[in-house]
Amino acid sequence: MNITIISILLGLLLLAAPLYLLKALQVTLVGKALRAFVRAAVALVALGLCLYLVFRWNHWAINLLAVLLMAAVGMMTVVRQARLGSRMYVPIGAGLLAALVVVGAWLLLLALGVRRPLEARYLLPVAGLLVGSMTQTLSHALSVYYRSLIHHDQLYYYLIGNGASQAEALSWYVRRSLEATVLPHVKQMSAMVLTVSPLVVWAMLLSGSSVVEAIAVQLLVLVAGFTASVVALVVALFVARHYNFDGFNRLKS
């Protein structure tokens, strides 16, 4: 492929047709659509500049720093989307980092057999895919967990009062949050190709990879994203116990 400025501008001209149709039919979303596109374009350009510099330097320390930055952005996104307090930054950050290290290392070293896993072309795409997958599910799962704990706290205190350990009293809430984590991945995997487009497959084919490689990487990414989400949630909930409960196992306000 040979992508030039002219080819990008020609591609952007595709926006003219839907925008004209919206304007002609007096749909009031033209302004919102344009603003959303501009925000997306600005974000992509900024990301592209950062990635260009990181790939050009390709130093292991800078690459790891970029991964930490991804995790930090994912952490802040989860806290904002789940509407959690600032004390949840540490548990969520711990969960994301633990999943990145364990699942990312397994995927790069064992599954993909990469000999230089700290190179930018291997480390950053894998980390980006994992963080994106975890962010989507972790925010929903933690929101379910804390909403259930707040609105059904009588069950927790009833179990604690009848001699249950904290882990036993929280098992129902943990189970609900795990269901909220697993269900989106199950739907995505069961609907793959039919209603959910395998974007990794098409992107790799477009870049010149073989069909076998593209299918294999897509499958590994699905499994890794699912596993990373579960690991991140379990670690985040475990660490969060030290921030959400006092010494008498009472939920902090």
Protein backbone atom coordinates (compact mmCIF):
# COMPACT_ATOMS: atom_id res chain seq x y z
CA MET A 1 0.00 0.00 0.00
CA ASN A 2 1.06 3.55 -0.71
CA ILE A 3 -0.95 5.97 1.41
CA THR A 4 -0.39 9.65 0.61
CA ILE A 5 -1.97 12.91 1.72
CA ILE A 6 -4.06 12.93 -1.46
CA SER A 7 -5.34 9.41 -0.81
CA ILE A 8 -6.31 10.38 2.75
CA LEU A 9 -8.18 13.45 1.48
CA LEU A 10 -9.96 11.34 -1.13
CA GLY A 11 -10.97 8.92 1.61
CA LEU A 12 -12.29 11.74 3.76
CA LEU A 13 -14.51 12.82 0.87
CA LEU A 14 -16.63 9.76 1.66
CA LEU A 15 -18.05 11.81 4.53
CA ALA A 16 -19.70 14.16 2.07
CA ALA A 17 -22.44 11.72 1.07
CA PRO A 18 -23.82 10.83 4.53
CA LEU A 19 -23.45 14.41 5.78
CA TYR A 20 -25.32 15.76 2.76
CA LEU A 21 -28.07 13.18 3.28
CA LEU A 22 -28.40 14.12 6.96
CA LYS A 23 -28.51 17.80 6.04
CA ALA A 24 -31.05 17.27 3.26
CA LEU A 25 -33.36 15.29 5.55
CA GLN A 26 -32.92 17.93 8.27
CA VAL A 27 -31.49 15.47 10.76
CA THR A 28 -30.18 17.46 13.71
CA LEU A 29 -27.11 15.29 14.28
CA VAL A 30 -24.85 16.79 11.61
CA GLY A 31 -23.03 19.04 14.08
CA LYS A 32 -22.59 16.24 16.61
CA ALA A 33 -21.32 13.89 13.91
CA LEU A 34 -18.77 16.43 12.72
CA ARG A 35 -17.58 17.21 16.24
CA ALA A 36 -17.25 13.51 17.02
CA PHE A 37 -15.25 12.95 13.85
CA VAL A 38 -12.96 15.90 14.59
CA ARG A 39 -12.34 14.64 18.14
CA ALA A 40 -11.58 11.16 16.82
CA ALA A 41 -9.25 12.57 14.16
CA VAL A 42 -7.38 14.72 16.68
CA ALA A 43 -7.03 11.79 19.09
CA LEU A 44 -5.76 9.51 16.31
CA VAL A 45 -3.25 12.10 15.10
CA ALA A 46 -1.95 12.58 18.65
CA LEU A 47 -1.72 8.82 19.12
CA GLY A 48 0.02 8.49 15.78
CA LEU A 49 2.65 11.08 16.70
CA CYS A 50 3.35 9.36 20.02
CA LEU A 51 3.58 5.94 18.39
CA TYR A 52 5.82 7.31 15.65
CA LEU A 53 8.30 8.59 18.22
CA VAL A 54 8.16 5.42 20.31
CA PHE A 55 8.64 3.17 17.28
CA ARG A 56 11.47 5.35 16.01
CA TRP A 57 13.36 5.22 19.33
CA ASN A 58 12.40 1.59 20.03
CA HIS A 59 14.13 1.49 23.41
CA TRP A 60 12.91 -1.04 25.95
CA ALA A 61 12.58 1.57 28.72
CA ILE A 62 10.53 3.92 26.53
CA ASN A 63 8.38 1.01 25.35
CA LEU A 64 7.64 -0.03 28.94
CA LEU A 65 6.87 3.59 29.81
CA ALA A 66 4.38 3.67 26.94
CA VAL A 67 2.71 0.52 28.30
CA LEU A 68 2.47 2.13 31.75
CA LEU A 69 0.88 5.18 30.13
CA MET A 70 -1.67 2.92 28.42
CA ALA A 71 -2.47 1.28 31.75
CA ALA A 72 -2.84 4.69 33.41
CA VAL A 73 -5.27 5.86 30.72
CA GLY A 74 -7.21 2.61 31.05
CA MET A 75 -7.30 2.99 34.83
CA MET A 76 -8.69 6.53 34.64
CA THR A 77 -11.22 5.45 32.03
CA VAL A 78 -12.50 2.61 34.22
CA VAL A 79 -12.82 4.88 37.26
CA ARG A 80 -14.71 7.49 35.25
CA GLN A 81 -17.04 5.07 33.45
CA ALA A 82 -17.82 3.05 36.57
CA ARG A 83 -18.24 6.27 38.61
CA LEU A 84 -15.91 5.11 41.35
CA GLY A 85 -13.99 7.12 43.91
CA SER A 86 -10.35 8.13 43.73
CA ARG A 87 -9.36 5.37 46.18
CA MET A 88 -10.08 2.83 43.42
CA TYR A 89 -7.15 4.02 41.30
CA VAL A 90 -4.69 1.74 43.09
CA PRO A 91 -6.80 -1.48 42.92
CA ILE A 92 -7.71 -0.95 39.27
CA GLY A 93 -4.15 -0.05 38.35
CA ALA A 94 -2.87 -3.14 40.14
CA GLY A 95 -5.37 -5.31 38.28
CA LEU A 96 -4.50 -3.89 34.89
CA LEU A 97 -0.74 -4.19 35.45
CA ALA A 98 -1.00 -7.73 36.80
CA ALA A 99 -3.03 -8.84 33.79
CA LEU A 100 -0.68 -7.07 31.38
CA VAL A 101 2.40 -8.73 32.85
CA VAL A 102 0.97 -12.24 33.19
CA VAL A 103 -1.18 -12.49 30.06
CA GLY A 104 1.02 -10.27 27.91
CA ALA A 105 4.17 -12.23 28.73
CA TRP A 106 2.39 -15.54 28.12
CA LEU A 107 1.04 -14.34 24.78
CA LEU A 108 4.29 -12.85 23.52
CA LEU A 109 6.79 -15.41 24.81
CA LEU A 110 4.88 -18.69 24.69
CA ALA A 111 1.94 -18.35 22.31
CA LEU A 112 3.52 -16.11 19.66
CA GLY A 113 7.12 -17.17 20.31
CA VAL A 114 8.52 -13.63 20.09
CA ARG A 115 12.24 -13.54 20.84
CA ARG A 116 12.38 -9.81 21.55
CA PRO A 117 9.10 -9.11 23.35
CA LEU A 118 10.17 -5.63 24.47
CA GLU A 119 10.40 -4.31 20.92
CA ALA A 120 7.79 -1.69 20.13
CA ARG A 121 6.25 -3.56 17.18
CA TYR A 122 5.39 -6.51 19.45
CA LEU A 123 4.88 -5.01 22.90
CA LEU A 124 2.71 -1.99 22.10
CA PRO A 125 0.07 -3.68 19.89
CA VAL A 126 -0.40 -6.51 22.38
CA ALA A 127 -0.57 -4.12 25.33
CA GLY A 128 -2.99 -1.85 23.49
CA LEU A 129 -5.32 -4.72 22.58
CA LEU A 130 -5.29 -6.07 26.13
CA VAL A 131 -5.87 -2.68 27.77
CA GLY A 132 -8.71 -1.93 25.37
CA SER A 133 -10.36 -5.27 26.06
CA MET A 134 -9.97 -4.95 29.83
CA THR A 135 -11.19 -1.35 29.97
CA GLN A 136 -14.47 -2.17 28.25
CA THR A 137 -15.40 -5.02 30.57
CA LEU A 138 -13.76 -3.93 33.83
CA SER A 139 -15.72 -0.69 34.06
CA HIS A 140 -19.03 -2.55 33.70
CA ALA A 141 -18.03 -5.37 36.07
CA LEU A 142 -16.86 -3.02 38.84
CA SER A 143 -19.97 -0.89 38.43
CA VAL A 144 -22.12 -4.02 38.91
CA TYR A 145 -20.04 -5.08 41.92
CA TYR A 146 -20.27 -1.80 43.81
CA ARG A 147 -23.88 -1.10 42.90
CA SER A 148 -24.80 -4.54 44.22
CA LEU A 149 -22.73 -4.03 47.36
CA ILE A 150 -24.34 -0.66 48.08
CA HIS A 151 -27.95 -1.59 47.29
CA HIS A 152 -27.80 -5.08 48.80
CA ASP A 153 -25.50 -4.44 51.74
CA GLN A 154 -28.02 -6.12 54.08
CA LEU A 155 -27.02 -9.50 52.64
CA TYR A 156 -23.35 -8.79 53.30
CA TYR A 157 -23.93 -7.72 56.92
CA TYR A 158 -26.31 -10.62 57.49
CA LEU A 159 -23.66 -13.14 56.40
CA ILE A 160 -20.94 -11.40 58.43
CA GLY A 161 -23.21 -11.36 61.48
CA ASN A 162 -23.84 -15.08 61.16
CA GLY A 163 -20.18 -16.02 61.23
CA ALA A 164 -19.25 -15.93 57.54
CA SER A 165 -15.79 -14.77 56.58
CA GLN A 166 -15.43 -11.65 54.47
CA ALA A 167 -14.58 -13.75 51.42
CA GLU A 168 -17.71 -15.85 51.92
CA ALA A 169 -19.89 -12.78 52.43
CA LEU A 170 -18.57 -11.17 49.26
CA SER A 171 -18.80 -14.30 47.09
CA TRP A 172 -22.24 -13.39 45.69
CA TYR A 173 -21.06 -9.91 44.68
CA VAL A 174 -17.88 -11.28 43.14
CA ARG A 175 -19.90 -13.84 41.20
CA ARG A 176 -22.12 -11.11 39.74
CA SER A 177 -19.13 -9.02 38.69
CA LEU A 178 -17.48 -12.05 37.08
CA GLU A 179 -20.66 -12.70 35.13
CA ALA A 180 -20.58 -9.09 33.95
CA THR A 181 -16.98 -9.63 32.81
CA VAL A 182 -17.46 -12.96 31.08
CA LEU A 183 -20.74 -12.26 29.29
CA PRO A 184 -19.48 -9.59 26.82
CA HIS A 185 -16.57 -11.82 25.78
CA VAL A 186 -18.86 -14.83 25.38
CA LYS A 187 -21.20 -12.80 23.16
CA GLN A 188 -18.29 -11.50 21.11
CA MET A 189 -16.75 -14.93 20.61
CA SER A 190 -20.06 -16.64 19.83
CA ALA A 191 -20.96 -13.95 17.28
CA MET A 192 -17.51 -13.72 15.68
CA VAL A 193 -17.65 -13.42 11.85
CA LEU A 194 -21.47 -13.60 11.80
CA THR A 195 -22.31 -10.29 13.51
CA VAL A 196 -18.94 -9.15 14.93
CA SER A 197 -16.27 -8.40 12.36
CA PRO A 198 -12.84 -9.96 13.12
CA LEU A 199 -10.97 -6.67 12.80
CA VAL A 200 -7.57 -8.19 13.59
CA VAL A 201 -7.97 -10.65 10.72
CA TRP A 202 -8.83 -7.97 8.18
CA ALA A 203 -6.09 -5.62 9.42
CA MET A 204 -3.43 -8.32 9.19
CA LEU A 205 -4.57 -9.39 5.73
CA LEU A 206 -4.48 -5.76 4.62
CA SER A 207 -0.90 -5.50 5.91
CA GLY A 208 0.21 -8.56 3.95
CA SER A 209 0.05 -11.38 6.51
CA SER A 210 -1.11 -14.84 5.50
CA VAL A 211 -4.64 -16.06 6.21
CA VAL A 212 -3.38 -18.68 8.68
CA GLU A 213 -1.39 -16.11 10.66
CA ALA A 214 -4.31 -13.67 10.72
CA ILE A 215 -6.80 -16.27 11.97
CA ALA A 216 -4.36 -17.58 14.59
CA VAL A 217 -3.58 -14.12 15.96
CA GLN A 218 -7.29 -13.20 16.09
CA LEU A 219 -8.01 -16.36 18.08
CA LEU A 220 -5.12 -15.70 20.46
CA VAL A 221 -6.22 -12.08 20.96
CA LEU A 222 -9.74 -13.22 21.85
CA VAL A 223 -8.46 -15.71 24.42
CA ALA A 224 -5.91 -13.27 25.83
CA GLY A 225 -8.48 -10.47 26.16
CA PHE A 226 -10.89 -12.77 27.96
CA THR A 227 -8.23 -14.06 30.36
CA ALA A 228 -6.78 -10.61 31.01
CA SER A 229 -10.20 -9.20 31.91
CA VAL A 230 -10.83 -11.95 34.46
CA VAL A 231 -7.34 -11.62 35.97
CA ALA A 232 -7.64 -7.82 36.19
CA LEU A 233 -11.03 -8.03 37.91
CA VAL A 234 -9.94 -10.63 40.47
CA VAL A 235 -6.77 -8.70 41.36
CA ALA A 236 -8.63 -5.37 41.53
CA LEU A 237 -11.31 -6.78 43.85
CA PHE A 238 -8.70 -8.42 46.07
CA VAL A 239 -6.67 -5.23 46.44
CA ALA A 240 -9.83 -3.12 46.84
CA ARG A 241 -10.75 -4.93 50.06
CA HIS A 242 -8.01 -3.00 51.86
CA TYR A 243 -9.53 0.28 50.66
CA ASN A 244 -13.27 -0.40 50.91
CA PHE A 245 -13.58 -2.07 54.32
CA ASP A 246 -12.38 -1.09 57.78
CA GLY A 247 -10.83 -3.35 60.40
CA PHE A 248 -14.28 -4.57 61.45
CA ASN A 249 -15.24 -5.64 57.90
CA ARG A 250 -17.62 -2.71 57.60
CA LEU A 251 -18.07 -1.04 54.23
CA LYS A 252 -16.54 2.42 54.15
CA SER A 253 -18.75 5.25 53.00
